[in-house]
Amino acid sequence: MTHYSRVRPGSVHASEVKSGIRLTIIDSRQKRDFPGAGAKKNGGREGFPRLAAVCWAGGQPETPTRDSSLGVMKFAMTASYHLSRCGTIENRSFVTFSRIAGTSRAHAPPVLVSVRFFLAILRMGTASFSLLRMLADGGLHSGERLGRALGLSRSGLWNLIRRIEASGLRVLKVRGRGYRLAEALDLFELDALAAGLKKISPELCIEVLDECPSTNTVLAERAAAGAPHGTVLACEYQSAGRGRRGHSWVSAVGGSVAFSILWRFPRGAGALGGLSLAAAVGAAKALERLGTQGVAVKWPNDLYCEGRKLGGILIESSGAIVGPSAAIVGVGINVRLGAHARDRIGVPATDIASHCEATPSRTTVLVAALESIAGVLARFSREGFAPFREEWLQRHAWTGRRVALSQAGRRVAEGKVVGVAEDGALMLASVGGIERFHIGELSLRPE
């Protein structure tokens, strides 16, 4: 039975029905609802009639067709983009575009347009992940069968393969037999993830996206809209991951773990000093329990192993100085990096696979990190950074080393690292005495 909801113009609404189908209605009755969705004059008439868009997941509609109307195409692209940012486009998702009765071109037939076609212009796209899931086992798969399953022509399938290769994965073509990945792909196992979370905390509720610009960015938007405490957002691939101070964070498809946790605190944002340091301790302990030895931390938010970057923490907080506050705790961990990802990172990097006899799956890493960090956040909420300070000091890779500290690209201090204060501030011993810094970037200096 079809289930849907009418919503106000320009808004997005998603609901779960018993069959597990997610259905979204976009009712665009105003030209300003979506960027680029303005009316196009055509012979004195509006060539862009009012449209309704329906998105659902899990079903396989009839073969997509395309309307020649530029207005429909522009609307499709922008609607697809906004739906994907809201996390409502899932695997095997399509958008149906049909004109609402009473418009100037209501007699025209409904238009069924594959979301994959439009997302291809914007990012790797849902279709690419549908194909990746088919190829993930590393076995050979017939091109004809792949194309039929995805509703794509031979050229359409080849375009998807090129997009996958652009992400750093190698797809091998065996003449007369089909395609396969050069190496099997480690994607999240949702059943195992759900089972693992049940053992951790009833506070956590997770959603896994195929792709998003940044889990911190998307979760921050949801937090502003009222997402509950303990919401976790993970994704297979971040197309625009972020680090501190505007730095980018490079993710490898099937080779990194990226997730964010929304945690609400009873105290104000002024009491969250040292949160990134405490979270880093939690992440380091989780990785060591999985067999990664010698995990160190570097002020203020990095995970290191044998002098190379293994992961990082990004904290973004909101709220008043006193009173309730909230923080998005973003975590990125390198599990298995290929040459393509290492080249893009731009700093000496390492991964779990380089320091473990048996590399754990990304699902195992995610569950272990969530369990450890959630415990840290719960304790931090009660006691602050103080109970984590001593362990952080023991793990700090550059304690006693001579460093330069820069802010906004300008060197502001130089000295020897002597520790951190109870609020997480770095303590440097310089010619002027002990100085404290709450923000900045460190680099090693000659002894």
Protein backbone atom coordinates (compact mmCIF):
# COMPACT_ATOMS: atom_id res chain seq x y z
CA MET A 1 0.00 0.00 0.00
CA THR A 2 1.39 3.38 -0.96
CA HIS A 3 1.92 5.72 1.95
CA TYR A 4 2.86 9.36 1.68
CA SER A 5 2.47 12.69 3.38
CA ARG A 6 1.67 16.09 1.91
CA VAL A 7 3.93 18.77 3.27
CA ARG A 8 4.27 22.49 2.98
CA PRO A 9 5.84 23.82 -0.23
CA GLY A 10 9.55 23.33 -0.42
CA SER A 11 9.85 21.18 2.67
CA VAL A 12 11.14 17.63 2.98
CA HIS A 13 9.41 14.94 4.99
CA ALA A 14 10.46 11.32 5.45
CA SER A 15 8.50 8.54 7.11
CA GLU A 16 9.11 4.85 7.70
CA VAL A 17 6.30 2.47 6.79
CA LYS A 18 5.91 -1.16 7.84
CA SER A 19 7.46 -2.48 4.66
CA GLY A 20 10.64 -0.53 5.39
CA ILE A 21 10.07 1.83 2.45
CA ARG A 22 11.08 5.41 3.00
CA LEU A 23 8.88 7.81 1.09
CA THR A 24 9.49 11.52 0.68
CA ILE A 25 7.20 14.09 -0.89
CA ILE A 26 8.44 17.43 -2.12
CA ASP A 27 5.65 19.77 -3.17
CA SER A 28 7.22 22.66 -5.10
CA ARG A 29 4.47 25.24 -5.50
CA GLN A 30 6.71 28.27 -5.29
CA LYS A 31 9.48 29.09 -7.73
CA ARG A 32 11.83 29.99 -4.90
CA ASP A 33 11.54 26.63 -3.13
CA PHE A 34 14.74 25.23 -4.64
CA PRO A 35 17.79 26.99 -6.06
CA GLY A 36 17.69 27.00 -9.82
CA ALA A 37 14.03 26.03 -9.94
CA GLY A 38 12.75 29.31 -11.34
CA ALA A 39 10.19 29.60 -14.10
CA LYS A 40 11.49 29.47 -17.66
CA LYS A 41 9.60 31.47 -20.24
CA ASN A 42 8.65 29.49 -23.31
CA GLY A 43 6.51 31.16 -25.92
CA GLY A 44 4.93 33.46 -23.38
CA ARG A 45 4.05 30.62 -21.01
CA GLU A 46 5.77 29.26 -17.97
CA GLY A 47 7.79 26.28 -19.13
CA PHE A 48 8.32 25.18 -15.52
CA PRO A 49 5.00 23.99 -14.06
CA ARG A 50 4.47 23.07 -10.47
CA LEU A 51 5.99 19.69 -9.73
CA ALA A 52 5.72 17.02 -7.07
CA ALA A 53 8.66 14.75 -6.34
CA VAL A 54 8.35 11.37 -4.69
CA CYS A 55 11.40 9.48 -3.46
CA TRP A 56 11.31 5.91 -2.21
CA ALA A 57 13.88 3.22 -1.44
CA GLY A 58 13.81 -0.55 -1.74
CA GLY A 59 11.67 -0.89 -4.84
CA GLN A 60 12.60 -1.19 -8.51
CA PRO A 61 10.34 1.09 -10.56
CA GLU A 62 9.85 0.79 -14.28
CA THR A 63 12.64 1.83 -16.66
CA PRO A 64 13.39 5.55 -16.20
CA THR A 65 12.49 8.01 -18.93
CA ARG A 66 13.57 11.61 -19.27
CA ASP A 67 11.63 14.72 -20.11
CA SER A 68 13.21 17.25 -22.43
CA SER A 69 12.03 20.14 -20.29
CA LEU A 70 15.02 22.05 -18.93
CA GLY A 71 12.89 23.11 -15.98
CA VAL A 72 12.22 19.51 -15.01
CA MET A 73 15.92 18.70 -15.29
CA LYS A 74 16.91 21.66 -13.14
CA PHE A 75 14.30 20.81 -10.57
CA ALA A 76 15.37 17.16 -10.57
CA MET A 77 18.99 18.05 -9.97
CA THR A 78 18.33 20.47 -7.12
CA ALA A 79 15.69 18.25 -5.50
CA SER A 80 18.00 15.25 -5.68
CA TYR A 81 20.77 17.28 -4.09
CA HIS A 82 18.60 18.47 -1.21
CA LEU A 83 17.16 15.01 -0.65
CA SER A 84 20.62 13.49 -0.55
CA ARG A 85 21.81 16.10 1.96
CA CYS A 86 18.85 15.19 4.17
CA GLY A 87 19.87 11.56 4.04
CA THR A 88 16.62 10.41 2.44
CA ILE A 89 18.10 8.98 -0.74
CA GLU A 90 19.17 5.40 -0.15
CA ASN A 91 20.22 2.45 -2.31
CA ARG A 92 18.09 1.75 -5.39
CA SER A 93 16.36 5.09 -4.94
CA PHE A 94 14.48 6.91 -7.65
CA VAL A 95 12.58 10.15 -7.86
CA THR A 96 9.30 10.39 -9.75
CA PHE A 97 8.41 13.77 -11.21
CA SER A 98 4.77 14.28 -12.11
CA ARG A 99 2.91 17.48 -12.78
CA ILE A 100 0.23 18.51 -10.33
CA ALA A 101 -3.26 18.79 -11.76
CA GLY A 102 -4.28 22.29 -12.71
CA THR A 103 -0.96 23.46 -14.11
CA SER A 104 -0.44 24.71 -17.63
CA ARG A 105 1.01 21.38 -18.76
CA ALA A 106 -0.94 18.96 -16.57
CA HIS A 107 -1.79 16.83 -19.61
CA ALA A 108 1.82 15.73 -19.98
CA PRO A 109 2.62 12.21 -18.71
CA PRO A 110 4.51 11.70 -15.44
CA VAL A 111 8.28 11.70 -15.74
CA LEU A 112 10.37 9.08 -13.97
CA VAL A 113 13.97 10.16 -13.57
CA SER A 114 16.70 8.13 -11.89
CA VAL A 115 18.25 10.03 -9.00
CA ARG A 116 21.55 8.40 -9.94
CA PHE A 117 21.67 10.34 -13.20
CA PHE A 118 21.58 13.68 -11.40
CA LEU A 119 23.75 12.88 -8.41
CA ALA A 120 26.46 11.85 -10.85
CA ILE A 121 26.93 15.54 -11.58
CA LEU A 122 27.25 16.40 -7.90
CA ARG A 123 29.26 13.60 -6.31
CA MET A 124 30.05 9.90 -6.58
CA GLY A 125 26.36 9.14 -6.18
CA THR A 126 23.97 6.51 -4.92
CA ALA A 127 24.25 4.43 -8.09
CA SER A 128 27.99 4.11 -7.61
CA PHE A 129 27.42 2.62 -4.18
CA SER A 130 24.78 0.26 -5.55
CA LEU A 131 27.40 -0.94 -8.02
CA LEU A 132 30.09 -1.07 -5.32
CA ARG A 133 27.92 -3.34 -3.19
CA MET A 134 27.57 -5.72 -6.11
CA LEU A 135 31.33 -5.73 -6.69
CA ALA A 136 32.38 -5.67 -3.03
CA ASP A 137 33.05 -9.42 -2.82
CA GLY A 138 35.92 -9.09 -5.30
CA GLY A 139 34.38 -11.66 -7.64
CA LEU A 140 33.61 -11.36 -11.35
CA HIS A 141 30.22 -9.94 -12.29
CA SER A 142 28.71 -9.84 -15.75
CA GLY A 143 28.39 -6.34 -17.20
CA GLU A 144 25.01 -7.27 -18.65
CA ARG A 145 23.72 -8.42 -15.29
CA LEU A 146 25.07 -5.33 -13.52
CA GLY A 147 23.51 -3.01 -16.08
CA ARG A 148 20.17 -4.78 -15.88
CA ALA A 149 20.12 -4.64 -12.07
CA LEU A 150 20.88 -0.91 -12.11
CA GLY A 151 18.70 -0.04 -15.10
CA LEU A 152 21.72 1.25 -17.03
CA SER A 153 22.96 0.96 -20.58
CA ARG A 154 26.48 -0.29 -21.30
CA SER A 155 27.76 3.28 -21.56
CA GLY A 156 25.95 4.27 -18.37
CA LEU A 157 27.57 1.38 -16.52
CA TRP A 158 30.98 2.35 -17.87
CA ASN A 159 30.50 5.93 -16.66
CA LEU A 160 29.77 4.62 -13.16
CA ILE A 161 32.89 2.48 -13.24
CA ARG A 162 34.99 5.49 -14.23
CA ARG A 163 33.53 7.45 -11.33
CA ILE A 164 34.39 4.63 -8.93
CA GLU A 165 37.94 4.52 -10.28
CA ALA A 166 38.25 8.27 -9.76
CA SER A 167 37.72 7.64 -6.03
CA GLY A 168 40.89 5.54 -5.95
CA LEU A 169 39.46 2.02 -6.35
CA ARG A 170 40.70 -0.23 -9.18
CA VAL A 171 38.05 -1.96 -11.28
CA LEU A 172 39.36 -4.73 -13.53
CA LYS A 173 37.62 -5.68 -16.77
CA VAL A 174 37.94 -9.29 -17.89
CA ARG A 175 36.98 -9.53 -21.55
CA GLY A 176 33.91 -11.65 -22.08
CA ARG A 177 33.39 -12.26 -18.36
CA GLY A 178 32.70 -8.93 -16.67
CA TYR A 179 34.10 -6.65 -13.99
CA ARG A 180 35.63 -7.07 -10.55
CA LEU A 181 37.39 -4.95 -7.97
CA ALA A 182 41.13 -5.45 -7.68
CA GLU A 183 40.53 -6.08 -3.96
CA ALA A 184 37.40 -6.99 -2.04
CA LEU A 185 35.77 -3.93 -0.45
CA ASP A 186 35.09 -3.70 3.28
CA LEU A 187 31.69 -2.02 3.62
CA PHE A 188 29.77 -1.64 6.87
CA GLU A 189 27.75 -4.69 7.94
CA LEU A 190 24.54 -3.11 9.20
CA ASP A 191 23.23 -6.15 11.10
CA ALA A 192 26.52 -6.55 12.96
CA LEU A 193 26.59 -2.82 13.65
CA ALA A 194 23.06 -2.86 15.09
CA ALA A 195 23.90 -5.86 17.27
CA GLY A 196 27.05 -4.17 18.52
CA LEU A 197 25.25 -0.96 19.43
CA LYS A 198 22.67 -2.80 21.52
CA LYS A 199 25.49 -3.94 23.79
CA ILE A 200 26.97 -0.46 24.13
CA SER A 201 24.31 2.00 25.24
CA PRO A 202 20.57 2.53 24.77
CA GLU A 203 21.40 6.22 24.29
CA LEU A 204 22.99 5.67 20.88
CA CYS A 205 20.98 5.64 17.67
CA ILE A 206 22.96 5.30 14.44
CA GLU A 207 22.30 5.99 10.78
CA VAL A 208 24.76 4.99 8.06
CA LEU A 209 24.83 6.95 4.79
CA ASP A 210 26.53 5.87 1.60
CA GLU A 211 28.05 9.28 1.09
CA CYS A 212 27.84 12.76 2.53
CA PRO A 213 30.02 15.88 2.41
CA SER A 214 30.91 15.60 6.12
CA THR A 215 29.26 13.67 8.95
CA ASN A 216 29.87 16.65 11.25
CA THR A 217 28.18 19.03 8.83
CA VAL A 218 25.11 16.84 8.31
CA LEU A 219 24.74 15.99 11.99
CA ALA A 220 25.09 19.65 12.98
CA GLU A 221 22.16 20.46 10.69
CA ARG A 222 20.13 17.70 12.27
CA ALA A 223 21.10 18.82 15.77
CA ALA A 224 19.83 22.32 14.99
CA ALA A 225 16.55 20.71 13.88
CA GLY A 226 16.21 18.86 17.20
CA ALA A 227 18.04 15.55 16.72
CA PRO A 228 18.15 13.69 20.05
CA HIS A 229 21.10 13.17 22.35
CA GLY A 230 23.18 10.16 21.33
CA THR A 231 22.49 10.41 17.60
CA VAL A 232 25.34 8.86 15.59
CA LEU A 233 25.91 9.47 11.90
CA ALA A 234 28.41 7.36 9.95
CA CYS A 235 29.05 7.12 6.23
CA GLU A 236 30.87 4.90 3.81
CA TYR A 237 32.56 7.86 2.16
CA GLN A 238 32.99 11.55 2.99
CA SER A 239 33.30 13.65 -0.14
CA ALA A 240 34.31 16.82 1.76
CA GLY A 241 35.52 15.75 5.18
CA ARG A 242 36.72 18.51 7.48
CA GLY A 243 39.47 18.82 10.05
CA ARG A 244 40.31 21.62 12.44
CA ARG A 245 40.88 25.22 11.31
CA GLY A 246 39.41 24.59 7.85
CA HIS A 247 41.73 21.71 6.96
CA SER A 248 40.32 18.93 4.81
CA TRP A 249 40.04 15.31 5.94
CA VAL A 250 40.64 12.67 3.27
CA SER A 251 38.55 9.49 3.42
CA ALA A 252 39.22 6.30 1.50
CA VAL A 253 36.23 4.37 0.16
CA GLY A 254 36.13 1.16 2.19
CA GLY A 255 39.39 2.11 3.91
CA SER A 256 38.44 4.68 6.56
CA VAL A 257 35.93 4.98 9.36
CA ALA A 258 34.22 8.37 9.69
CA PHE A 259 31.41 9.09 12.13
CA SER A 260 30.01 11.82 14.38
CA ILE A 261 28.19 11.69 17.71
CA LEU A 262 25.76 14.31 19.01
CA TRP A 263 26.19 14.63 22.77
CA ARG A 264 24.22 17.06 24.90
CA PHE A 265 25.78 18.29 28.16
CA PRO A 266 24.05 19.80 31.21
CA ARG A 267 26.89 22.30 31.60
CA GLY A 268 27.73 25.24 29.35
CA ALA A 269 30.09 25.29 26.39
CA GLY A 270 32.69 26.92 28.63
CA ALA A 271 33.02 23.63 30.53
CA LEU A 272 33.88 21.58 27.43
CA GLY A 273 37.61 22.41 27.43
CA GLY A 274 39.65 19.27 26.89
CA LEU A 275 36.80 17.35 25.24
CA SER A 276 38.79 16.60 22.09
CA LEU A 277 41.69 15.34 24.22
CA ALA A 278 39.42 13.04 26.22
CA ALA A 279 37.79 11.71 23.05
CA ALA A 280 41.24 11.01 21.58
CA VAL A 281 42.12 8.95 24.66
CA GLY A 282 38.92 6.94 24.16
CA ALA A 283 39.69 6.33 20.49
CA ALA A 284 43.29 5.30 21.27
CA LYS A 285 42.16 2.77 23.88
CA ALA A 286 39.64 1.29 21.43
CA LEU A 287 42.29 0.82 18.74
CA GLU A 288 44.70 -0.79 21.17
CA ARG A 289 42.02 -3.27 22.24
CA LEU A 290 41.73 -4.22 18.56
CA GLY A 291 45.44 -4.97 18.38
CA THR A 292 46.92 -1.66 17.20
CA GLN A 293 49.89 -1.13 19.47
CA GLY A 294 51.58 2.12 20.42
CA VAL A 295 48.73 4.52 19.63
CA ALA A 296 49.73 8.02 20.74
CA VAL A 297 47.92 11.36 20.80
CA LYS A 298 49.08 14.79 19.68
CA TRP A 299 47.64 18.04 20.94
CA PRO A 300 44.97 18.98 20.33
CA ASN A 301 43.15 16.31 18.36
CA ASP A 302 45.34 13.81 16.48
CA LEU A 303 45.95 10.08 16.79
CA TYR A 304 49.47 8.97 15.88
CA CYS A 305 51.31 5.69 15.52
CA GLU A 306 55.08 5.50 15.01
CA GLY A 307 55.22 9.18 14.06
CA ARG A 308 52.47 9.01 11.44
CA LYS A 309 48.89 10.22 11.56
CA LEU A 310 46.37 7.46 12.22
CA GLY A 311 43.23 9.47 12.89
CA GLY A 312 41.76 12.64 14.29
CA ILE A 313 38.98 14.23 16.32
CA LEU A 314 36.91 17.29 15.39
CA ILE A 315 34.76 18.90 18.10
CA GLU A 316 32.13 21.51 17.20
CA SER A 317 30.14 22.82 20.16
CA SER A 318 27.14 25.07 20.57
CA GLY A 319 25.29 26.63 23.48
CA ALA A 320 25.77 29.36 26.05
CA ILE A 321 28.86 29.67 28.24
CA VAL A 322 26.68 28.56 31.16
CA GLY A 323 23.70 26.27 30.89
CA PRO A 324 23.03 23.33 28.58
CA SER A 325 25.31 22.83 25.59
CA ALA A 326 25.85 20.31 22.82
CA ALA A 327 28.85 19.01 20.93
CA ILE A 328 29.30 17.19 17.66
CA VAL A 329 32.20 14.79 18.17
CA GLY A 330 33.61 13.84 14.78
CA VAL A 331 36.03 10.93 14.49
CA GLY A 332 38.11 9.79 11.52
CA ILE A 333 40.28 6.65 11.60
CA ASN A 334 42.42 5.18 8.83
CA VAL A 335 41.80 1.44 8.59
CA ARG A 336 43.36 0.45 5.27
CA LEU A 337 44.79 3.20 3.06
CA GLY A 338 45.72 2.69 -0.56
CA ALA A 339 48.34 4.68 -2.44
CA HIS A 340 45.68 7.02 -3.88
CA ALA A 341 44.46 8.06 -0.41
CA ARG A 342 47.97 8.43 0.99
CA ASP A 343 48.90 10.77 -1.86
CA ARG A 344 45.85 12.94 -1.19
CA ILE A 345 46.37 13.20 2.58
CA GLY A 346 49.50 15.30 2.17
CA VAL A 347 51.08 14.44 5.55
CA PRO A 348 52.82 11.25 6.69
CA ALA A 349 49.91 8.90 7.40
CA THR A 350 49.44 5.35 8.55
CA ASP A 351 46.57 2.92 9.09
CA ILE A 352 45.44 0.13 11.39
CA ALA A 353 46.43 -2.49 8.81
CA SER A 354 50.08 -1.43 9.12
CA HIS A 355 50.12 -2.11 12.87
CA CYS A 356 47.87 -5.16 13.30
CA GLU A 357 48.55 -8.81 12.61
CA ALA A 358 44.89 -9.27 11.65
CA THR A 359 43.16 -6.12 10.40
CA PRO A 360 39.70 -5.73 11.96
CA SER A 361 36.73 -4.90 9.74
CA ARG A 362 35.52 -1.33 9.53
CA THR A 363 32.34 -2.42 11.33
CA THR A 364 34.41 -3.79 14.22
CA VAL A 365 36.44 -0.57 14.38
CA LEU A 366 33.29 1.57 14.38
CA VAL A 367 31.62 -0.43 17.16
CA ALA A 368 34.77 -0.46 19.31
CA ALA A 369 35.34 3.29 18.85
CA LEU A 370 31.71 4.10 19.64
CA GLU A 371 31.76 1.97 22.78
CA SER A 372 34.93 3.59 24.10
CA ILE A 373 34.13 7.18 23.14
CA ALA A 374 30.54 6.99 24.42
CA GLY A 375 31.91 5.90 27.78
CA VAL A 376 34.37 8.80 27.74
CA LEU A 377 31.62 11.30 26.90
CA ALA A 378 29.38 10.04 29.69
CA ARG A 379 32.17 10.43 32.23
CA PHE A 380 33.30 13.77 30.81
CA SER A 381 29.73 15.02 31.22
CA ARG A 382 29.99 14.30 34.96
CA GLU A 383 33.65 15.05 35.74
CA GLY A 384 35.18 17.04 32.88
CA PHE A 385 38.70 16.47 31.52
CA ALA A 386 40.46 15.95 34.88
CA PRO A 387 40.11 12.12 35.05
CA PHE A 388 41.58 11.75 31.55
CA ARG A 389 44.47 14.18 31.93
CA GLU A 390 47.06 11.76 33.31
CA GLU A 391 46.46 9.12 30.63
CA TRP A 392 46.54 11.77 27.92
CA LEU A 393 49.93 12.99 29.21
CA GLN A 394 51.29 9.45 29.13
CA ARG A 395 50.17 9.05 25.53
CA HIS A 396 51.24 12.44 24.20
CA ALA A 397 53.76 11.90 21.42
CA TRP A 398 55.52 15.25 21.82
CA THR A 399 55.82 15.69 25.57
CA GLY A 400 59.27 17.13 26.29
CA ARG A 401 59.84 17.97 22.62
CA ARG A 402 60.66 21.43 21.29
CA VAL A 403 57.80 22.74 19.13
CA ALA A 404 56.51 25.83 17.37
CA LEU A 405 52.88 26.82 17.83
CA SER A 406 51.07 28.61 15.00
CA GLN A 407 47.69 30.30 14.91
CA ALA A 408 46.01 31.30 11.64
CA GLY A 409 49.20 30.39 9.79
CA ARG A 410 51.41 32.65 11.92
CA ARG A 411 53.95 31.38 14.46
CA VAL A 412 53.11 32.80 17.87
CA ALA A 413 55.26 30.78 20.27
CA GLU A 414 58.13 28.34 20.53
CA GLY A 415 59.15 26.18 23.45
CA LYS A 416 59.15 22.76 25.08
CA VAL A 417 55.89 20.87 25.67
CA VAL A 418 55.53 20.32 29.42
CA GLY A 419 51.93 19.10 29.52
CA VAL A 420 48.31 20.23 29.44
CA ALA A 421 46.19 22.01 32.01
CA GLU A 422 42.97 20.58 33.46
CA ASP A 423 40.98 22.50 30.85
CA GLY A 424 43.01 20.97 27.99
CA ALA A 425 45.21 24.02 27.35
CA LEU A 426 48.70 23.22 26.05
CA MET A 427 51.51 24.23 28.39
CA LEU A 428 54.76 25.42 26.76
CA ALA A 429 57.97 26.26 28.58
CA SER A 430 59.55 29.21 26.76
CA VAL A 431 62.03 31.95 27.62
CA GLY A 432 59.18 33.89 29.20
CA GLY A 433 58.05 31.05 31.46
CA ILE A 434 55.10 28.64 31.19
CA GLU A 435 52.54 29.75 28.63
CA ARG A 436 49.09 28.26 27.98
CA PHE A 437 47.37 27.96 24.63
CA HIS A 438 43.85 26.72 23.87
CA ILE A 439 44.12 26.78 20.08
CA GLY A 440 46.89 26.34 17.57
CA GLU A 441 48.86 23.94 15.41
CA LEU A 442 52.11 22.29 16.52
CA SER A 443 55.22 21.51 14.50
CA LEU A 444 58.48 20.01 15.71
CA ARG A 445 61.58 22.18 15.93
CA PRO A 446 65.26 21.14 16.06
CA GLU A 447 66.39 20.35 19.60
